[in-house]
Amino acid sequence: MTLMNFTILFTFLASMTGLAFHRTHFMSALICLEGMMLAIFIGLTLWCSQTESMLLSISPMALITMSACEAGTGLAILVATNRTHGSDLMKNLNLLQC
């Protein structure tokens, strides 16, 4: 395993660990999800450049587009919950409450 592969894997696992253990605020969960998506994007981009395949070069662009849509949707949900509940604490985001 090269140093670059280890760094990408460590970045993904660090983001996953942050998502699992630091779920106090909704914004921190979104940042961890974005870190995971960026680690996957960098890994996919490096894999496409190493294989020198032009057929796979659209995959990283599709992934970063979906990641941007996910970030925009997450921030819209964050603003909506901040307006309705007054904070972005995850314990306040119970779907069973009216």
PDB file of N, CA and C in Angstrom:
ATOM      1  N   MET A   1       0.851  -1.167   0.000  1.00  0.00           N
ATOM      2  CA  MET A   1       0.000   0.000   0.000  1.00  0.00           C
ATOM      3  C   MET A   1       0.900   1.234   0.000  1.00  0.00           C
ATOM      4  N   THR A   2       0.667   2.114  -0.934  1.00  0.00           N
ATOM      5  CA  THR A   2       1.486   3.307  -1.037  1.00  0.00           C
ATOM      6  C   THR A   2       1.058   4.334   0.008  1.00  0.00           C
ATOM      7  N   LEU A   3       1.868   5.348   0.156  1.00  0.00           N
ATOM      8  CA  LEU A   3       1.573   6.401   1.126  1.00  0.00           C
ATOM      9  C   LEU A   3       0.322   7.173   0.734  1.00  0.00           C
ATOM     10  N   MET A   4       0.115   7.378  -0.555  1.00  0.00           N
ATOM     11  CA  MET A   4      -1.074   8.104  -1.010  1.00  0.00           C
ATOM     12  C   MET A   4      -2.344   7.311  -0.716  1.00  0.00           C
ATOM     13  N   ASN A   5      -2.332   6.007  -0.977  1.00  0.00           N
ATOM     14  CA  ASN A   5      -3.497   5.172  -0.686  1.00  0.00           C
ATOM     15  C   ASN A   5      -3.783   5.130   0.812  1.00  0.00           C
ATOM     16  N   PHE A   6      -2.725   5.036   1.612  1.00  0.00           N
ATOM     17  CA  PHE A   6      -2.898   5.031   3.054  1.00  0.00           C
ATOM     18  C   PHE A   6      -3.485   6.350   3.547  1.00  0.00           C
ATOM     19  N   THR A   7      -3.057   7.466   2.980  1.00  0.00           N
ATOM     20  CA  THR A   7      -3.573   8.774   3.373  1.00  0.00           C
ATOM     21  C   THR A   7      -5.045   8.916   3.032  1.00  0.00           C
ATOM     22  N   ILE A   8      -5.439   8.465   1.853  1.00  0.00           N
ATOM     23  CA  ILE A   8      -6.847   8.546   1.449  1.00  0.00           C
ATOM     24  C   ILE A   8      -7.698   7.643   2.331  1.00  0.00           C
ATOM     25  N   LEU A   9      -7.228   6.436   2.607  1.00  0.00           N
ATOM     26  CA  LEU A   9      -7.961   5.518   3.471  1.00  0.00           C
ATOM     27  C   LEU A   9      -8.068   6.073   4.887  1.00  0.00           C
ATOM     28  N   PHE A  10      -6.990   6.641   5.400  1.00  0.00           N
ATOM     29  CA  PHE A  10      -7.011   7.225   6.736  1.00  0.00           C
ATOM     30  C   PHE A  10      -7.958   8.411   6.806  1.00  0.00           C
ATOM     31  N   THR A  11      -8.009   9.229   5.768  1.00  0.00           N
ATOM     32  CA  THR A  11      -8.925  10.370   5.731  1.00  0.00           C
ATOM     33  C   THR A  11     -10.373   9.895   5.751  1.00  0.00           C
ATOM     34  N   PHE A  12     -10.672   8.873   4.976  1.00  0.00           N
ATOM     35  CA  PHE A  12     -12.030   8.332   4.957  1.00  0.00           C
ATOM     36  C   PHE A  12     -12.409   7.756   6.318  1.00  0.00           C
ATOM     37  N   LEU A  13     -11.502   6.994   6.926  1.00  0.00           N
ATOM     38  CA  LEU A  13     -11.798   6.390   8.218  1.00  0.00           C
ATOM     39  C   LEU A  13     -11.888   7.422   9.331  1.00  0.00           C
ATOM     40  N   ALA A  14     -11.091   8.480   9.249  1.00  0.00           N
ATOM     41  CA  ALA A  14     -11.181   9.549  10.246  1.00  0.00           C
ATOM     42  C   ALA A  14     -12.518  10.278  10.147  1.00  0.00           C
ATOM     43  N   SER A  15     -12.991  10.490   8.929  1.00  0.00           N
ATOM     44  CA  SER A  15     -14.305  11.119   8.749  1.00  0.00           C
ATOM     45  C   SER A  15     -15.415  10.208   9.235  1.00  0.00           C
ATOM     46  N   MET A  16     -15.292   8.914   8.986  1.00  0.00           N
ATOM     47  CA  MET A  16     -16.299   7.975   9.450  1.00  0.00           C
ATOM     48  C   MET A  16     -16.307   7.894  10.980  1.00  0.00           C
ATOM     49  N   THR A  17     -15.141   7.932  11.581  1.00  0.00           N
ATOM     50  CA  THR A  17     -15.052   7.926  13.039  1.00  0.00           C
ATOM     51  C   THR A  17     -15.654   9.192  13.620  1.00  0.00           C
ATOM     52  N   GLY A  18     -15.388  10.317  12.990  1.00  0.00           N
ATOM     53  CA  GLY A  18     -15.989  11.572  13.439  1.00  0.00           C
ATOM     54  C   GLY A  18     -17.492  11.550  13.326  1.00  0.00           C
ATOM     55  N   LEU A  19     -18.010  10.935  12.284  1.00  0.00           N
ATOM     56  CA  LEU A  19     -19.457  10.825  12.114  1.00  0.00           C
ATOM     57  C   LEU A  19     -20.057   9.901  13.165  1.00  0.00           C
ATOM     58  N   ALA A  20     -19.330   8.863  13.544  1.00  0.00           N
ATOM     59  CA  ALA A  20     -19.864   7.904  14.509  1.00  0.00           C
ATOM     60  C   ALA A  20     -19.831   8.434  15.937  1.00  0.00           C
ATOM     61  N   PHE A  21     -18.803   9.191  16.293  1.00  0.00           N
ATOM     62  CA  PHE A  21     -18.624   9.570  17.695  1.00  0.00           C
ATOM     63  C   PHE A  21     -18.991  11.008  18.030  1.00  0.00           C
ATOM     64  N   HIS A  22     -18.972  11.911  17.076  1.00  0.00           N
ATOM     65  CA  HIS A  22     -19.237  13.318  17.361  1.00  0.00           C
ATOM     66  C   HIS A  22     -20.509  13.765  16.661  1.00  0.00           C
ATOM     67  N   ARG A  23     -21.630  13.251  17.133  1.00  0.00           N
ATOM     68  CA  ARG A  23     -22.901  13.550  16.500  1.00  0.00           C
ATOM     69  C   ARG A  23     -23.726  14.531  17.324  1.00  0.00           C
ATOM     70  N   THR A  24     -23.085  15.515  17.912  1.00  0.00           N
ATOM     71  CA  THR A  24     -23.828  16.461  18.724  1.00  0.00           C
ATOM     72  C   THR A  24     -24.568  17.464  17.849  1.00  0.00           C
ATOM     73  N   HIS A  25     -23.884  18.017  16.883  1.00  0.00           N
ATOM     74  CA  HIS A  25     -24.471  19.031  16.018  1.00  0.00           C
ATOM     75  C   HIS A  25     -24.655  18.475  14.605  1.00  0.00           C
ATOM     76  N   PHE A  26     -25.677  18.968  13.933  1.00  0.00           N
ATOM     77  CA  PHE A  26     -25.966  18.549  12.565  1.00  0.00           C
ATOM     78  C   PHE A  26     -24.873  19.030  11.604  1.00  0.00           C
ATOM     79  N   MET A  27     -24.305  20.194  11.885  1.00  0.00           N
ATOM     80  CA  MET A  27     -23.250  20.737  11.018  1.00  0.00           C
ATOM     81  C   MET A  27     -22.001  19.863  11.057  1.00  0.00           C
ATOM     82  N   SER A  28     -21.643  19.334  12.221  1.00  0.00           N
ATOM     83  CA  SER A  28     -20.468  18.461  12.290  1.00  0.00           C
ATOM     84  C   SER A  28     -20.706  17.152  11.530  1.00  0.00           C
ATOM     85  N   ALA A  29     -21.942  16.657  11.543  1.00  0.00           N
ATOM     86  CA  ALA A  29     -22.256  15.457  10.765  1.00  0.00           C
ATOM     87  C   ALA A  29     -22.138  15.735   9.268  1.00  0.00           C
ATOM     88  N   LEU A  30     -22.583  16.914   8.836  1.00  0.00           N
ATOM     89  CA  LEU A  30     -22.452  17.273   7.417  1.00  0.00           C
ATOM     90  C   LEU A  30     -20.991  17.418   7.004  1.00  0.00           C
ATOM     91  N   ILE A  31     -20.169  17.978   7.875  1.00  0.00           N
ATOM     92  CA  ILE A  31     -18.748  18.134   7.552  1.00  0.00           C
ATOM     93  C   ILE A  31     -18.074  16.771   7.451  1.00  0.00           C
ATOM     94  N   CYS A  32     -18.438  15.837   8.328  1.00  0.00           N
ATOM     95  CA  CYS A  32     -17.872  14.488   8.244  1.00  0.00           C
ATOM     96  C   CYS A  32     -18.310  13.781   6.961  1.00  0.00           C
ATOM     97  N   LEU A  33     -19.564  13.939   6.583  1.00  0.00           N
ATOM     98  CA  LEU A  33     -20.031  13.350   5.317  1.00  0.00           C
ATOM     99  C   LEU A  33     -19.304  13.950   4.121  1.00  0.00           C
ATOM    100  N   GLU A  34     -19.066  15.250   4.174  1.00  0.00           N
ATOM    101  CA  GLU A  34     -18.352  15.899   3.071  1.00  0.00           C
ATOM    102  C   GLU A  34     -16.899  15.426   3.003  1.00  0.00           C
ATOM    103  N   GLY A  35     -16.286  15.203   4.157  1.00  0.00           N
ATOM    104  CA  GLY A  35     -14.922  14.662   4.175  1.00  0.00           C
ATOM    105  C   GLY A  35     -14.854  13.266   3.593  1.00  0.00           C
ATOM    106  N   MET A  36     -15.857  12.451   3.876  1.00  0.00           N
ATOM    107  CA  MET A  36     -15.902  11.111   3.296  1.00  0.00           C
ATOM    108  C   MET A  36     -16.055  11.165   1.784  1.00  0.00           C
ATOM    109  N   MET A  37     -16.919  12.043   1.318  1.00  0.00           N
ATOM    110  CA  MET A  37     -17.116  12.167  -0.130  1.00  0.00           C
ATOM    111  C   MET A  37     -15.863  12.687  -0.833  1.00  0.00           C
ATOM    112  N   LEU A  38     -15.162  13.626  -0.209  1.00  0.00           N
ATOM    113  CA  LEU A  38     -13.937  14.134  -0.830  1.00  0.00           C
ATOM    114  C   LEU A  38     -12.832  13.087  -0.857  1.00  0.00           C
ATOM    115  N   ALA A  39     -12.753  12.245   0.178  1.00  0.00           N
ATOM    116  CA  ALA A  39     -11.769  11.164   0.166  1.00  0.00           C
ATOM    117  C   ALA A  39     -12.075  10.174  -0.950  1.00  0.00           C
ATOM    118  N   ILE A  40     -13.344   9.854  -1.140  1.00  0.00           N
ATOM    119  CA  ILE A  40     -13.730   8.951  -2.237  1.00  0.00           C
ATOM    120  C   ILE A  40     -13.437   9.599  -3.583  1.00  0.00           C
ATOM    121  N   PHE A  41     -13.698  10.901  -3.708  1.00  0.00           N
ATOM    122  CA  PHE A  41     -13.433  11.609  -4.959  1.00  0.00           C
ATOM    123  C   PHE A  41     -11.945  11.598  -5.303  1.00  0.00           C
ATOM    124  N   ILE A  42     -11.103  11.881  -4.327  1.00  0.00           N
ATOM    125  CA  ILE A  42      -9.660  11.897  -4.584  1.00  0.00           C
ATOM    126  C   ILE A  42      -9.163  10.498  -4.935  1.00  0.00           C
ATOM    127  N   GLY A  43      -9.653   9.480  -4.227  1.00  0.00           N
ATOM    128  CA  GLY A  43      -9.266   8.107  -4.545  1.00  0.00           C
ATOM    129  C   GLY A  43      -9.710   7.682  -5.928  1.00  0.00           C
ATOM    130  N   LEU A  44     -10.922   8.047  -6.305  1.00  0.00           N
ATOM    131  CA  LEU A  44     -11.426   7.696  -7.639  1.00  0.00           C
ATOM    132  C   LEU A  44     -10.676   8.441  -8.732  1.00  0.00           C
ATOM    133  N   THR A  45     -10.331   9.701  -8.479  1.00  0.00           N
ATOM    134  CA  THR A  45      -9.569  10.471  -9.452  1.00  0.00           C
ATOM    135  C   THR A  45      -8.169   9.899  -9.648  1.00  0.00           C
ATOM    136  N   LEU A  46      -7.509   9.538  -8.549  1.00  0.00           N
ATOM    137  CA  LEU A  46      -6.180   8.941  -8.667  1.00  0.00           C
ATOM    138  C   LEU A  46      -6.226   7.579  -9.344  1.00  0.00           C
ATOM    139  N   TRP A  47      -7.265   6.805  -9.072  1.00  0.00           N
ATOM    140  CA  TRP A  47      -7.389   5.506  -9.722  1.00  0.00           C
ATOM    141  C   TRP A  47      -7.588   5.663 -11.227  1.00  0.00           C
ATOM    142  N   CYS A  48      -8.403   6.645 -11.624  1.00  0.00           N
ATOM    143  CA  CYS A  48      -8.613   6.876 -13.061  1.00  0.00           C
ATOM    144  C   CYS A  48      -7.344   7.370 -13.742  1.00  0.00           C
ATOM    145  N   SER A  49      -6.555   8.169 -13.040  1.00  0.00           N
ATOM    146  CA  SER A  49      -5.315   8.657 -13.657  1.00  0.00           C
ATOM    147  C   SER A  49      -4.249   7.561 -13.712  1.00  0.00           C
ATOM    148  N   GLN A  50      -4.256   6.639 -12.752  1.00  0.00           N
ATOM    149  CA  GLN A  50      -3.287   5.555 -12.773  1.00  0.00           C
ATOM    150  C   GLN A  50      -3.600   4.535 -13.858  1.00  0.00           C
ATOM    151  N   THR A  51      -4.883   4.277 -14.093  1.00  0.00           N
ATOM    152  CA  THR A  51      -5.243   3.314 -15.135  1.00  0.00           C
ATOM    153  C   THR A  51      -5.253   3.948 -16.516  1.00  0.00           C
ATOM    154  N   GLU A  52      -5.195   5.273 -16.587  1.00  0.00           N
ATOM    155  CA  GLU A  52      -5.182   6.036 -17.831  1.00  0.00           C
ATOM    156  C   GLU A  52      -6.362   5.659 -18.731  1.00  0.00           C
ATOM    157  N   SER A  53      -7.504   5.501 -18.106  1.00  0.00           N
ATOM    158  CA  SER A  53      -8.709   5.144 -18.848  1.00  0.00           C
ATOM    159  C   SER A  53      -9.575   6.379 -19.036  1.00  0.00           C
ATOM    160  N   MET A  54      -9.821   6.750 -20.259  1.00  0.00           N
ATOM    161  CA  MET A  54     -10.682   7.893 -20.540  1.00  0.00           C
ATOM    162  C   MET A  54     -12.160   7.535 -20.347  1.00  0.00           C
ATOM    163  N   LEU A  55     -12.445   6.242 -20.354  1.00  0.00           N
ATOM    164  CA  LEU A  55     -13.818   5.796 -20.181  1.00  0.00           C
ATOM    165  C   LEU A  55     -14.315   6.054 -18.751  1.00  0.00           C
ATOM    166  N   LEU A  56     -13.407   5.982 -17.781  1.00  0.00           N
ATOM    167  CA  LEU A  56     -13.777   6.157 -16.382  1.00  0.00           C
ATOM    168  C   LEU A  56     -13.614   7.593 -15.892  1.00  0.00           C
ATOM    169  N   SER A  57     -13.194   8.504 -16.747  1.00  0.00           N
ATOM    170  CA  SER A  57     -12.884   9.858 -16.286  1.00  0.00           C
ATOM    171  C   SER A  57     -14.122  10.675 -15.946  1.00  0.00           C
ATOM    172  N   ILE A  58     -15.298  10.232 -16.348  1.00  0.00           N
ATOM    173  CA  ILE A  58     -16.529  10.956 -16.008  1.00  0.00           C
ATOM    174  C   ILE A  58     -16.994  10.621 -14.595  1.00  0.00           C
ATOM    175  N   SER A  59     -16.542   9.515 -14.035  1.00  0.00           N
ATOM    176  CA  SER A  59     -16.985   9.086 -12.709  1.00  0.00           C
ATOM    177  C   SER A  59     -16.655  10.093 -11.599  1.00  0.00           C
ATOM    178  N   PRO A  60     -15.428  10.631 -11.521  1.00  0.00           N
ATOM    179  CA  PRO A  60     -15.169  11.619 -10.465  1.00  0.00           C
ATOM    180  C   PRO A  60     -16.008  12.884 -10.605  1.00  0.00           C
ATOM    181  N   MET A  61     -16.282  13.295 -11.826  1.00  0.00           N
ATOM    182  CA  MET A  61     -17.097  14.497 -12.007  1.00  0.00           C
ATOM    183  C   MET A  61     -18.544  14.253 -11.578  1.00  0.00           C
ATOM    184  N   ALA A  62     -19.060  13.069 -11.843  1.00  0.00           N
ATOM    185  CA  ALA A  62     -20.418  12.739 -11.393  1.00  0.00           C
ATOM    186  C   ALA A  62     -20.466  12.659  -9.871  1.00  0.00           C
ATOM    187  N   LEU A  63     -19.419  12.124  -9.265  1.00  0.00           N
ATOM    188  CA  LEU A  63     -19.369  12.014  -7.813  1.00  0.00           C
ATOM    189  C   LEU A  63     -19.290  13.380  -7.149  1.00  0.00           C
ATOM    190  N   ILE A  64     -18.482  14.282  -7.675  1.00  0.00           N
ATOM    191  CA  ILE A  64     -18.365  15.608  -7.070  1.00  0.00           C
ATOM    192  C   ILE A  64     -19.642  16.414  -7.282  1.00  0.00           C
ATOM    193  N   THR A  65     -20.366  16.158  -8.380  1.00  0.00           N
ATOM    194  CA  THR A  65     -21.651  16.812  -8.593  1.00  0.00           C
ATOM    195  C   THR A  65     -22.677  16.339  -7.569  1.00  0.00           C
ATOM    196  N   MET A  66     -22.723  15.037  -7.325  1.00  0.00           N
ATOM    197  CA  MET A  66     -23.634  14.511  -6.312  1.00  0.00           C
ATOM    198  C   MET A  66     -23.249  15.000  -4.913  1.00  0.00           C
ATOM    199  N   SER A  67     -21.964  15.141  -4.669  1.00  0.00           N
ATOM    200  CA  SER A  67     -21.511  15.651  -3.378  1.00  0.00           C
ATOM    201  C   SER A  67     -21.915  17.102  -3.176  1.00  0.00           C
ATOM    202  N   ALA A  68     -21.852  17.896  -4.222  1.00  0.00           N
ATOM    203  CA  ALA A  68     -22.284  19.294  -4.119  1.00  0.00           C
ATOM    204  C   ALA A  68     -23.788  19.380  -3.892  1.00  0.00           C
ATOM    205  N   CYS A  69     -24.548  18.511  -4.547  1.00  0.00           N
ATOM    206  CA  CYS A  69     -25.997  18.484  -4.319  1.00  0.00           C
ATOM    207  C   CYS A  69     -26.310  18.053  -2.898  1.00  0.00           C
ATOM    208  N   GLU A  70     -25.566  17.089  -2.387  1.00  0.00           N
ATOM    209  CA  GLU A  70     -25.757  16.630  -1.009  1.00  0.00           C
ATOM    210  C   GLU A  70     -25.439  17.740  -0.020  1.00  0.00           C
ATOM    211  N   ALA A  71     -24.396  18.488  -0.280  1.00  0.00           N
ATOM    212  CA  ALA A  71     -24.027  19.580   0.619  1.00  0.00           C
ATOM    213  C   ALA A  71     -25.071  20.692   0.591  1.00  0.00           C
ATOM    214  N   GLY A  72     -25.573  21.005  -0.584  1.00  0.00           N
ATOM    215  CA  GLY A  72     -26.609  22.031  -0.690  1.00  0.00           C
ATOM    216  C   GLY A  72     -27.891  21.624   0.002  1.00  0.00           C
ATOM    217  N   THR A  73     -28.287  20.368  -0.159  1.00  0.00           N
ATOM    218  CA  THR A  73     -29.494  19.871   0.501  1.00  0.00           C
ATOM    219  C   THR A  73     -29.313  19.834   2.012  1.00  0.00           C
ATOM    220  N   GLY A  74     -28.143  19.408   2.443  1.00  0.00           N
ATOM    221  CA  GLY A  74     -27.867  19.370   3.878  1.00  0.00           C
ATOM    222  C   GLY A  74     -27.883  20.750   4.508  1.00  0.00           C
ATOM    223  N   LEU A  75     -27.325  21.727   3.825  1.00  0.00           N
ATOM    224  CA  LEU A  75     -27.342  23.087   4.364  1.00  0.00           C
ATOM    225  C   LEU A  75     -28.741  23.675   4.362  1.00  0.00           C
ATOM    226  N   ALA A  76     -29.557  23.324   3.373  1.00  0.00           N
ATOM    227  CA  ALA A  76     -30.951  23.783   3.372  1.00  0.00           C
ATOM    228  C   ALA A  76     -31.721  23.174   4.537  1.00  0.00           C
ATOM    229  N   ILE A  77     -31.488  21.897   4.825  1.00  0.00           N
ATOM    230  CA  ILE A  77     -32.126  21.258   5.975  1.00  0.00           C
ATOM    231  C   ILE A  77     -31.622  21.882   7.267  1.00  0.00           C
ATOM    232  N   LEU A  78     -30.338  22.221   7.321  1.00  0.00           N
ATOM    233  CA  LEU A  78     -29.768  22.865   8.506  1.00  0.00           C
ATOM    234  C   LEU A  78     -30.427  24.212   8.772  1.00  0.00           C
ATOM    235  N   VAL A  79     -30.610  25.010   7.745  1.00  0.00           N
ATOM    236  CA  VAL A  79     -31.255  26.317   7.905  1.00  0.00           C
ATOM    237  C   VAL A  79     -32.709  26.140   8.332  1.00  0.00           C
ATOM    238  N   ALA A  80     -33.406  25.175   7.729  1.00  0.00           N
ATOM    239  CA  ALA A  80     -34.810  24.955   8.086  1.00  0.00           C
ATOM    240  C   ALA A  80     -34.960  24.487   9.527  1.00  0.00           C
ATOM    241  N   THR A  81     -34.111  23.579   9.977  1.00  0.00           N
ATOM    242  CA  THR A  81     -34.212  23.114  11.360  1.00  0.00           C
ATOM    243  C   THR A  81     -33.761  24.179  12.339  1.00  0.00           C
ATOM    244  N   ASN A  82     -32.822  25.001  11.943  1.00  0.00           N
ATOM    245  CA  ASN A  82     -32.387  26.082  12.822  1.00  0.00           C
ATOM    246  C   ASN A  82     -33.498  27.112  12.994  1.00  0.00           C
ATOM    247  N   ARG A  83     -34.275  27.330  11.953  1.00  0.00           N
ATOM    248  CA  ARG A  83     -35.404  28.265  12.059  1.00  0.00           C
ATOM    249  C   ARG A  83     -36.550  27.687  12.869  1.00  0.00           C
ATOM    250  N   THR A  84     -36.826  26.398  12.715  1.00  0.00           N
ATOM    251  CA  THR A  84     -37.974  25.819  13.417  1.00  0.00           C
ATOM    252  C   THR A  84     -37.644  25.409  14.844  1.00  0.00           C
ATOM    253  N   HIS A  85     -36.474  24.814  15.076  1.00  0.00           N
ATOM    254  CA  HIS A  85     -36.123  24.298  16.398  1.00  0.00           C
ATOM    255  C   HIS A  85     -35.233  25.244  17.198  1.00  0.00           C
ATOM    256  N   GLY A  86     -34.605  26.200  16.568  1.00  0.00           N
ATOM    257  CA  GLY A  86     -33.761  27.150  17.275  1.00  0.00           C
ATOM    258  C   GLY A  86     -32.315  26.729  17.442  1.00  0.00           C
ATOM    259  N   SER A  87     -31.968  25.491  17.115  1.00  0.00           N
ATOM    260  CA  SER A  87     -30.574  25.038  17.205  1.00  0.00           C
ATOM    261  C   SER A  87     -30.369  23.894  16.217  1.00  0.00           C
ATOM    262  N   ASP A  88     -29.113  23.493  16.085  1.00  0.00           N
ATOM    263  CA  ASP A  88     -28.809  22.383  15.174  1.00  0.00           C
ATOM    264  C   ASP A  88     -28.390  21.128  15.936  1.00  0.00           C
ATOM    265  N   LEU A  89     -28.822  21.002  17.172  1.00  0.00           N
ATOM    266  CA  LEU A  89     -28.492  19.813  17.951  1.00  0.00           C
ATOM    267  C   LEU A  89     -29.219  18.598  17.384  1.00  0.00           C
ATOM    268  N   MET A  90     -28.518  17.488  17.315  1.00  0.00           N
ATOM    269  CA  MET A  90     -29.087  16.284  16.726  1.00  0.00           C
ATOM    270  C   MET A  90     -30.201  15.700  17.586  1.00  0.00           C
ATOM    271  N   LYS A  91     -30.148  15.926  18.911  1.00  0.00           N
ATOM    272  CA  LYS A  91     -31.189  15.372  19.767  1.00  0.00           C
ATOM    273  C   LYS A  91     -32.529  16.081  19.570  1.00  0.00           C
ATOM    274  N   ASN A  92     -32.511  17.267  18.985  1.00  0.00           N
ATOM    275  CA  ASN A  92     -33.754  17.987  18.706  1.00  0.00           C
ATOM    276  C   ASN A  92     -34.387  17.567  17.393  1.00  0.00           C
ATOM    277  N   LEU A  93     -33.699  16.790  16.588  1.00  0.00           N
ATOM    278  CA  LEU A  93     -34.183  16.431  15.256  1.00  0.00           C
ATOM    279  C   LEU A  93     -34.919  15.090  15.269  1.00  0.00           C
ATOM    280  N   ASN A  94     -35.844  14.923  16.152  1.00  0.00           N
ATOM    281  CA  ASN A  94     -36.631  13.711  16.219  1.00  0.00           C
ATOM    282  C   ASN A  94     -37.797  13.826  15.252  1.00  0.00           C
ATOM    283  N   LEU A  95     -37.949  12.867  14.360  1.00  0.00           N
ATOM    284  CA  LEU A  95     -39.004  12.919  13.353  1.00  0.00           C
ATOM    285  C   LEU A  95     -40.397  12.621  13.921  1.00  0.00           C
ATOM    286  N   LEU A  96     -40.455  12.054  15.121  1.00  0.00           N
ATOM    287  CA  LEU A  96     -41.742  11.708  15.699  1.00  0.00           C
ATOM    288  C   LEU A  96     -42.413  12.897  16.387  1.00  0.00           C
ATOM    289  N   GLN A  97     -41.675  13.991  16.573  1.00  0.00           N
ATOM    290  CA  GLN A  97     -42.269  15.164  17.197  1.00  0.00           C
ATOM    291  C   GLN A  97     -43.084  15.938  16.169  1.00  0.00           C
ATOM    292  N   CYS A  98     -44.155  16.545  16.623  1.00  0.00           N
ATOM    293  CA  CYS A  98     -44.997  17.353  15.728  1.00  0.00           C
ATOM    294  C   CYS A  98     -44.539  18.790  15.743  1.00  0.00           C
TER     295      CYS A  98
END
